[in-house]
Amino acid sequence: MDGVMAAMPGIVCAIRFLAVTLLAAIGFNSFYKARG
């Protein structure tokens, strides 16, 4: 269980990074479609 707790911050960072990237991609995609 200690290993899981130690890995938690990295996992949370990775999930947060993926979520931000996904939101940015969706926002850029909709913006691009609205323009074109």
C-alpha atoms as a PDB file:
ATOM      1  CA  MET A   1       0.000   0.000   0.000  1.00  0.00           C
ATOM      2  CA  ASP A   2       2.960   2.332   0.611  1.00  0.00           C
ATOM      3  CA  GLY A   3       4.014   2.029  -3.025  1.00  0.00           C
ATOM      4  CA  VAL A   4       0.572   3.114  -4.182  1.00  0.00           C
ATOM      5  CA  MET A   5       0.652   6.155  -1.919  1.00  0.00           C
ATOM      6  CA  ALA A   6       4.123   7.090  -3.181  1.00  0.00           C
ATOM      7  CA  ALA A   7       3.002   6.798  -6.813  1.00  0.00           C
ATOM      8  CA  MET A   8      -0.203   8.768  -6.248  1.00  0.00           C
ATOM      9  CA  PRO A   9       1.160  12.312  -6.943  1.00  0.00           C
ATOM     10  CA  GLY A  10       2.626  11.179 -10.277  1.00  0.00           C
ATOM     11  CA  ILE A  11      -0.631   9.479 -11.272  1.00  0.00           C
ATOM     12  CA  VAL A  12      -2.661  12.556 -10.339  1.00  0.00           C
ATOM     13  CA  CYS A  13      -0.278  14.774 -12.339  1.00  0.00           C
ATOM     14  CA  ALA A  14      -0.555  12.497 -15.375  1.00  0.00           C
ATOM     15  CA  ILE A  15      -4.370  12.449 -15.212  1.00  0.00           C
ATOM     16  CA  ARG A  16      -4.507  16.226 -14.792  1.00  0.00           C
ATOM     17  CA  PHE A  17      -2.116  16.698 -17.733  1.00  0.00           C
ATOM     18  CA  LEU A  18      -4.236  14.405 -19.926  1.00  0.00           C
ATOM     19  CA  ALA A  19      -7.438  16.217 -18.944  1.00  0.00           C
ATOM     20  CA  VAL A  20      -5.939  19.644 -19.735  1.00  0.00           C
ATOM     21  CA  THR A  21      -4.583  18.396 -23.062  1.00  0.00           C
ATOM     22  CA  LEU A  22      -7.963  16.919 -23.959  1.00  0.00           C
ATOM     23  CA  LEU A  23      -9.807  20.132 -23.068  1.00  0.00           C
ATOM     24  CA  ALA A  24      -7.322  22.201 -25.066  1.00  0.00           C
ATOM     25  CA  ALA A  25      -7.736  19.908 -28.082  1.00  0.00           C
ATOM     26  CA  ILE A  26     -11.539  20.110 -27.884  1.00  0.00           C
ATOM     27  CA  GLY A  27     -11.476  23.889 -27.483  1.00  0.00           C
ATOM     28  CA  PHE A  28      -9.049  24.336 -30.382  1.00  0.00           C
ATOM     29  CA  ASN A  29     -11.114  21.966 -32.548  1.00  0.00           C
ATOM     30  CA  SER A  30     -14.378  23.837 -31.943  1.00  0.00           C
ATOM     31  CA  PHE A  31     -12.634  27.196 -32.466  1.00  0.00           C
ATOM     32  CA  TYR A  32     -11.119  25.952 -35.733  1.00  0.00           C
ATOM     33  CA  LYS A  33     -14.516  24.678 -36.936  1.00  0.00           C
ATOM     34  CA  ALA A  34     -16.209  27.969 -35.996  1.00  0.00           C
ATOM     35  CA  ARG A  35     -13.635  29.882 -38.060  1.00  0.00           C
ATOM     36  CA  GLY A  36     -13.538  27.591 -41.069  1.00  0.00           C
END
